[in-house]
Protein backbone atom coordinates (compact mmCIF):
# COMPACT_ATOMS: atom_id res chain seq x y z
CA GLY A 1 119.94 -113.98 216.55
CA VAL A 2 119.75 -116.62 219.44
CA ARG A 3 116.51 -117.51 221.15
CA ALA A 4 115.83 -119.94 223.85
CA LYS A 5 112.50 -121.79 224.07
CA TYR A 6 112.43 -120.23 227.70
CA MET A 7 114.99 -119.71 230.20
CA THR A 8 114.23 -121.13 233.73
CA PRO A 9 114.57 -118.98 236.83
CA SER A 10 116.21 -119.61 239.97
CA PHE A 11 113.82 -120.63 243.22
CA PRO A 12 112.33 -118.47 244.07
CA SER A 13 111.10 -117.04 241.15
CA LEU A 14 111.21 -113.31 242.40
CA THR A 15 113.03 -110.12 241.36
CA PHE A 16 115.89 -109.57 243.37
CA PRO A 17 117.26 -113.29 243.74
CA ASN A 18 116.97 -113.75 239.94
CA HIS A 19 118.28 -110.41 238.81
CA TYR A 20 121.44 -111.34 240.80
CA SER A 21 121.76 -114.70 239.71
CA ILE A 22 121.64 -113.83 236.21
CA VAL A 23 124.89 -111.36 236.99
CA THR A 24 126.51 -113.65 238.95
CA GLY A 25 125.78 -117.25 237.52
CA MET A 26 125.08 -118.47 241.27
CA TYR A 27 121.62 -119.81 242.82
CA PRO A 28 119.76 -117.64 245.18
CA SER A 29 121.26 -119.69 248.44
CA HIS A 30 124.88 -119.43 246.83
CA HIS A 31 124.90 -115.68 246.45
CA GLY A 32 123.07 -114.62 249.61
CA LEU A 33 119.92 -112.76 248.19
CA VAL A 34 117.57 -116.04 249.05
CA ASP A 35 114.37 -113.75 248.56
CA ASN A 36 113.10 -110.25 248.29
CA THR A 37 113.14 -110.18 251.82
CA TYR A 38 114.58 -112.26 254.40
CA TYR A 39 116.55 -112.50 257.72
CA ASP A 40 120.08 -112.79 258.47
CA ALA A 41 120.33 -114.14 261.86
CA SER A 42 124.17 -113.46 262.19
CA ARG A 43 123.45 -109.82 261.72
CA GLY A 44 120.07 -109.69 263.52
CA ALA A 45 118.42 -107.82 260.53
CA GLU A 46 115.97 -108.20 257.82
CA TYR A 47 116.79 -107.45 254.08
CA ARG A 48 114.47 -105.66 252.23
CA MET A 49 114.25 -104.83 248.44
CA GLY A 50 112.52 -101.54 249.48
CA ASN A 51 114.90 -100.70 252.00
CA GLN A 52 117.52 -98.33 250.15
CA LYS A 53 119.94 -98.58 253.25
CA THR A 54 120.03 -102.84 252.74
CA VAL A 55 119.89 -102.36 248.95
CA GLN A 56 122.78 -100.08 248.92
CA ASP A 57 125.35 -102.05 251.23
CA GLY A 58 127.49 -104.20 249.35
CA SER A 59 128.02 -106.53 252.23
CA TRP A 60 124.58 -108.31 251.90
CA TYR A 61 125.67 -109.51 248.33
CA GLY A 62 128.28 -112.69 247.83
CA GLY A 63 129.39 -113.66 244.44
CA THR A 64 131.35 -111.27 241.45
CA PRO A 65 128.67 -109.44 239.30
CA LEU A 66 129.46 -109.16 235.64
CA TRP A 67 130.27 -105.34 236.27
CA VAL A 68 132.63 -106.20 239.32
CA LEU A 69 134.09 -108.75 237.32
CA ALA A 70 134.65 -106.22 234.15
CA GLU A 71 136.22 -103.33 236.46
CA GLN A 72 138.59 -105.78 237.82
CA GLN A 73 139.91 -106.65 234.31
CA LYS A 74 140.12 -102.95 233.83
CA MET A 75 137.14 -102.78 231.86
CA LEU A 76 134.61 -100.05 232.45
CA SER A 77 131.01 -100.77 232.87
CA ALA A 78 127.68 -98.85 233.26
CA SER A 79 124.13 -99.54 234.52
CA PHE A 80 120.83 -97.90 233.97
CA TYR A 81 119.51 -99.92 236.58
CA TRP A 82 119.88 -103.51 238.03
CA VAL A 83 119.60 -105.13 241.53
CA ALA A 84 122.80 -104.35 243.21
CA SER A 85 124.32 -102.06 240.95
CA GLU A 86 124.22 -99.57 243.30
CA ALA A 87 125.92 -101.45 246.10
CA ALA A 88 129.82 -101.35 246.52
CA ILE A 89 130.24 -105.22 246.07
CA GLN A 90 134.24 -106.23 246.85
CA ASN A 91 134.57 -102.06 247.34
CA THR A 92 133.50 -101.68 243.57
CA ARG A 93 130.40 -100.09 241.51
CA PRO A 94 129.95 -99.63 237.95
CA THR A 95 132.00 -96.70 236.87
CA TYR A 96 128.50 -95.23 235.83
CA TYR A 97 125.56 -96.21 237.35
CA TYR A 98 122.01 -94.64 238.49
CA VAL A 99 120.41 -95.02 241.55
CA TYR A 100 116.97 -96.83 241.20
CA ASN A 101 114.01 -94.43 240.38
CA ASP A 102 111.20 -94.96 237.82
CA LYS A 103 110.78 -91.18 237.03
CA ILE A 104 113.16 -91.11 234.06
CA ASN A 105 111.39 -91.50 230.75
CA ILE A 106 112.53 -94.11 228.18
CA ALA A 107 114.07 -91.33 225.42
CA ASN A 108 116.18 -90.18 228.32
CA ARG A 109 117.26 -93.57 229.31
CA ILE A 110 118.22 -94.21 225.65
CA LYS A 111 120.19 -91.20 225.34
CA ALA A 112 121.75 -92.02 228.70
CA VAL A 113 123.31 -95.12 226.81
CA LYS A 114 123.96 -93.52 223.51
CA ASP A 115 126.25 -90.88 225.53
CA TRP A 116 127.81 -93.41 227.23
CA LEU A 117 128.76 -95.07 223.97
CA SER A 118 129.94 -91.87 222.54
CA LEU A 119 132.51 -91.30 224.71
CA PRO A 120 136.13 -91.57 223.86
CA GLU A 121 137.28 -95.27 223.82
CA ASP A 122 139.10 -94.91 227.13
CA GLN A 123 136.14 -93.67 228.74
CA ARG A 124 133.45 -95.80 227.09
CA PRO A 125 131.88 -98.50 229.12
CA HIS A 126 132.12 -102.54 227.82
CA MET A 127 129.08 -103.45 229.23
CA ILE A 128 125.94 -102.07 230.31
CA THR A 129 122.76 -103.11 232.38
CA PHE A 130 119.44 -102.01 231.58
CA TYR A 131 115.97 -102.69 233.12
CA PHE A 132 112.32 -102.00 231.72
CA PRO A 133 109.62 -102.64 234.59
CA GLU A 134 106.77 -102.04 232.46
CA VAL A 135 105.35 -105.76 231.68
CA ASP A 136 106.31 -106.99 235.31
CA HIS A 137 104.24 -103.80 236.76
CA GLU A 138 101.19 -104.42 234.43
CA ALA A 139 101.04 -107.96 234.81
CA HIS A 140 100.98 -107.67 238.72
CA THR A 141 98.30 -104.89 238.51
CA TYR A 142 95.95 -106.49 235.89
CA GLY A 143 97.30 -110.27 235.62
CA PRO A 144 99.54 -111.63 232.85
CA ASN A 145 97.15 -112.21 230.08
CA ASP A 146 95.44 -108.65 230.23
CA ALA A 147 95.70 -106.23 227.18
CA HIS A 148 97.52 -103.71 229.33
CA VAL A 149 100.62 -106.31 229.59
CA GLY A 150 100.35 -106.80 225.96
CA ALA A 151 100.57 -103.17 225.31
CA ALA A 152 103.22 -103.25 227.95
CA VAL A 153 105.45 -105.80 225.94
CA GLN A 154 104.94 -103.80 222.36
CA PHE A 155 106.30 -100.89 224.33
CA ILE A 156 109.43 -102.56 225.38
CA ASP A 157 109.66 -104.01 221.96
CA SER A 158 109.55 -100.60 220.34
CA SER A 159 112.01 -99.39 223.00
CA VAL A 160 114.26 -101.65 221.94
CA ASN A 161 114.14 -100.91 218.51
CA ALA A 162 114.54 -97.25 219.15
CA LEU A 163 117.69 -98.12 221.48
CA GLN A 164 119.28 -99.81 218.54
CA ALA A 165 118.43 -97.36 215.99
CA GLU A 166 120.07 -94.76 218.06
CA LEU A 167 123.24 -96.92 218.66
CA ALA A 168 123.39 -97.94 214.89
CA THR A 169 124.64 -94.36 214.32
CA LEU A 170 127.94 -95.06 216.23
CA ASN A 171 128.99 -97.91 214.38
CA LEU A 172 130.23 -100.10 217.11
CA PRO A 173 129.95 -103.96 217.57
CA ILE A 174 127.12 -104.05 220.03
CA ASN A 175 125.88 -107.14 221.33
CA TYR A 176 122.42 -107.17 223.02
CA ILE A 177 121.77 -109.94 225.66
CA PHE A 178 117.97 -109.64 226.52
CA VAL A 179 116.58 -111.63 229.25
CA SER A 180 113.64 -111.75 231.85
CA ASP A 181 114.06 -112.46 235.79
CA HIS A 182 110.60 -114.50 236.01
CA GLY A 183 107.20 -115.06 234.72
CA MET A 184 104.01 -114.41 236.10
CA THR A 185 100.71 -116.01 237.01
CA LYS A 186 96.81 -115.17 237.97
CA VAL A 187 96.15 -115.56 241.55
CA ASP A 188 92.97 -115.85 243.76
CA ASN A 189 93.54 -112.04 245.10
CA GLU A 190 90.07 -112.25 246.74
CA HIS A 191 90.62 -115.24 249.01
CA THR A 192 94.01 -115.09 250.14
CA LEU A 193 95.72 -116.75 253.20
CA SER A 194 96.53 -114.93 256.71
CA MET A 195 99.40 -115.91 258.81
CA PRO A 196 98.96 -119.63 259.49
CA LEU A 197 97.46 -120.30 262.79
CA ALA A 198 100.00 -123.04 263.59
CA ILE A 199 102.78 -120.20 263.69
CA ASP A 200 103.19 -118.59 267.04
CA THR A 201 104.70 -115.00 265.95
CA ALA A 202 106.28 -114.85 269.44
CA ALA A 203 108.18 -117.97 268.95
CA MET A 204 108.84 -117.46 265.07
CA HIS A 205 110.31 -114.65 263.04
CA VAL A 206 108.39 -114.51 259.73
CA PRO A 207 109.47 -111.45 257.07
CA TRP A 208 106.64 -110.62 254.70
CA GLY A 209 106.32 -113.15 251.61
CA ASP A 210 103.38 -113.80 249.28
CA ALA A 211 104.50 -116.71 247.32
CA LEU A 212 106.48 -118.59 249.67
CA ILE A 213 107.28 -117.49 253.49
CA HIS A 214 110.32 -118.18 255.82
CA VAL A 215 109.65 -119.32 259.31
CA TYR A 216 112.82 -118.40 261.37
CA ALA A 217 112.69 -120.06 265.11
CA LYS A 218 113.62 -117.61 267.92
CA ASP A 219 113.63 -120.70 270.09
CA SER A 220 114.55 -123.85 267.71
CA SER A 221 112.76 -125.96 270.43
CA LYS A 222 109.58 -124.96 268.71
CA ILE A 223 110.19 -126.20 265.12
CA ALA A 224 108.88 -129.45 265.32
CA GLU A 225 105.52 -128.58 266.76
CA THR A 226 105.23 -126.06 264.07
CA TYR A 227 106.05 -128.26 261.51
CA ALA A 228 103.43 -130.82 262.79
CA GLY A 229 100.69 -128.09 263.06
CA LEU A 230 101.55 -126.71 259.33
CA LYS A 231 101.43 -130.16 257.97
CA LYS A 232 97.76 -130.23 258.82
CA ASP A 233 97.03 -127.26 256.82
CA SER A 234 95.75 -128.34 253.12
CA SER A 235 95.94 -124.96 251.64
CA ILE A 236 100.07 -124.99 252.16
CA THR A 237 103.07 -126.96 252.12
CA VAL A 238 105.68 -126.96 254.60
CA TYR A 239 109.39 -128.11 254.00
CA LYS A 240 112.32 -128.18 256.04
CA LEU A 241 115.29 -127.52 254.64
CA ASP A 242 116.26 -131.00 253.90
CA GLU A 243 113.07 -131.67 252.20
CA THR A 244 112.99 -129.00 249.60
CA PRO A 245 113.05 -130.21 246.01
CA ASP A 246 116.57 -130.70 244.72
CA TYR A 247 116.11 -128.44 241.80
CA TRP A 248 115.49 -125.53 243.98
CA HIS A 249 119.04 -125.71 245.35
CA TYR A 250 117.59 -124.46 248.34
CA LYS A 251 118.36 -126.92 251.26
CA LYS A 252 120.57 -126.43 254.52
CA SER A 253 123.61 -127.63 252.63
CA ASP A 254 123.06 -124.95 250.02
CA ASP A 255 122.44 -122.05 252.44
CA LYS A 256 126.07 -120.48 252.43
CA TYR A 257 124.74 -117.51 254.28
CA ASN A 258 122.48 -119.23 256.56
CA ARG A 259 119.80 -117.10 255.47
CA LEU A 260 117.07 -119.75 254.78
CA GLY A 261 114.16 -120.00 257.46
CA ASP A 262 114.08 -123.01 259.57
CA LEU A 263 110.84 -123.88 257.52
CA ILE A 264 109.71 -122.85 254.08
CA VAL A 265 105.97 -122.63 253.77
CA VAL A 266 104.46 -122.43 250.10
CA PRO A 267 100.87 -121.86 249.30
CA HIS A 268 98.91 -124.02 246.85
CA LEU A 269 97.99 -122.04 243.68
CA PRO A 270 95.95 -119.96 242.94
CA LYS A 271 96.38 -119.03 246.79
CA VAL A 272 98.79 -116.57 248.10
CA PHE A 273 99.64 -115.21 251.54
CA ASN A 274 98.56 -111.58 252.31
CA PHE A 275 99.44 -110.34 255.72
CA SER A 276 98.24 -106.92 254.82
CA LYS A 277 94.89 -105.08 255.14
CA ARG A 278 95.22 -103.81 251.42
CA LYS A 279 94.07 -106.06 248.54
CA THR A 280 96.95 -107.94 247.01
CA THR A 281 97.42 -107.74 243.26
CA LEU A 282 96.15 -110.16 240.66
CA GLY A 283 99.42 -111.27 239.12
CA LYS A 284 102.16 -112.84 241.22
CA HIS A 285 105.47 -114.84 240.79
CA GLY A 286 107.98 -116.43 243.06
CA PHE A 287 106.22 -119.88 242.73
CA ASP A 288 108.05 -123.24 241.63
CA ASN A 289 110.58 -122.18 239.22
CA HIS A 290 109.55 -125.24 237.08
CA LEU A 291 106.10 -124.14 236.52
CA PRO A 292 105.71 -123.24 233.12
CA ASP A 293 103.95 -119.87 234.06
CA MET A 294 107.36 -118.78 235.86
CA ARG A 295 109.53 -119.12 232.60
CA ALA A 296 111.84 -116.21 231.88
CA SER A 297 112.82 -115.20 228.22
CA PHE A 298 116.37 -115.50 226.68
CA LEU A 299 117.23 -113.62 223.39
CA ALA A 300 120.69 -112.42 222.18
CA TRP A 301 121.87 -110.84 218.93
CA GLY A 302 125.00 -108.90 217.32
CA PRO A 303 128.23 -109.81 216.13
CA ALA A 304 129.00 -112.17 218.65
CA PHE A 305 126.19 -114.46 218.19
CA LYS A 306 125.10 -117.14 215.56
CA THR A 307 121.68 -115.96 213.48
CA GLY A 308 118.25 -117.45 213.51
CA LEU A 309 119.11 -120.09 216.00
CA ILE A 310 116.66 -121.56 218.52
CA ILE A 311 118.03 -123.49 221.55
CA GLU A 312 116.18 -125.63 224.34
CA GLY A 313 115.34 -124.09 227.63
CA PHE A 314 117.99 -123.79 230.16
CA GLU A 315 118.68 -122.19 233.82
CA ASN A 316 119.52 -118.64 234.15
CA VAL A 317 122.38 -119.22 235.91
CA HIS A 318 124.43 -120.33 232.47
CA VAL A 319 124.07 -116.68 231.31
CA TYR A 320 126.90 -115.50 233.21
CA PRO A 321 129.70 -117.85 232.03
């Protein structure tokens, strides 16, 4: 089929923002999932990827995900996991969907997809999302170059093959689009960065982060001195929202839902933040999306696609159109 030399994730190169950018064609600052964890001042509440209540609340999500678009066009959709597929966005969920848990084995997941596509035509989904967590999990745990990661890649490759073999018996014109949400890099998990001393947590709200942190001012008069203090720290770079790189699309003018921190603080690799007492993982992502290690994958094959074509790298917001 078609393969891109690489796909550039959106900034920050984290799971939730990029899953949602792929299915909306929008940068995180435009669709509202600006990080895995962030603060919304208008709500006085944090969105956290680990909080099922916020994850399943459709009011947090802007844009029109592909399954919502499909359903609006009277097409059925299905999701065996994808960020936001459990939420009623514009009062719409996929016709068929699963609430995320990692306990269902791959054979049963493949069987579910085959069962969906074996339904009578008026009940059969036209678009299905499907997620493999294994490479991300192993690369976080062991670092991206470890043999465990190679084994996870082989597992997914074999699983895609098994999925194709099962679905081939249905004789349907099935197109596959295979993407990843981000890359991974090895970090120094022995000598991590704690909360910068220049940040007064009584005056600033700082949600959890490791590859970047958002600093939200409870008192805006404290921003200037906090910024000046952070500028003196050689292990980090601090940005006001008018200073972030243009290609991040992470400026005040981009911030449709007013969810970006007043200051964005980024550690210098291989350093990362760790605000907990537990040792953090060896593999991380979330860093500058133009770093080669953060690059993602794009492959597509099936009757709708050309064959044997290699294209240049492109940004993941272009998958949607």
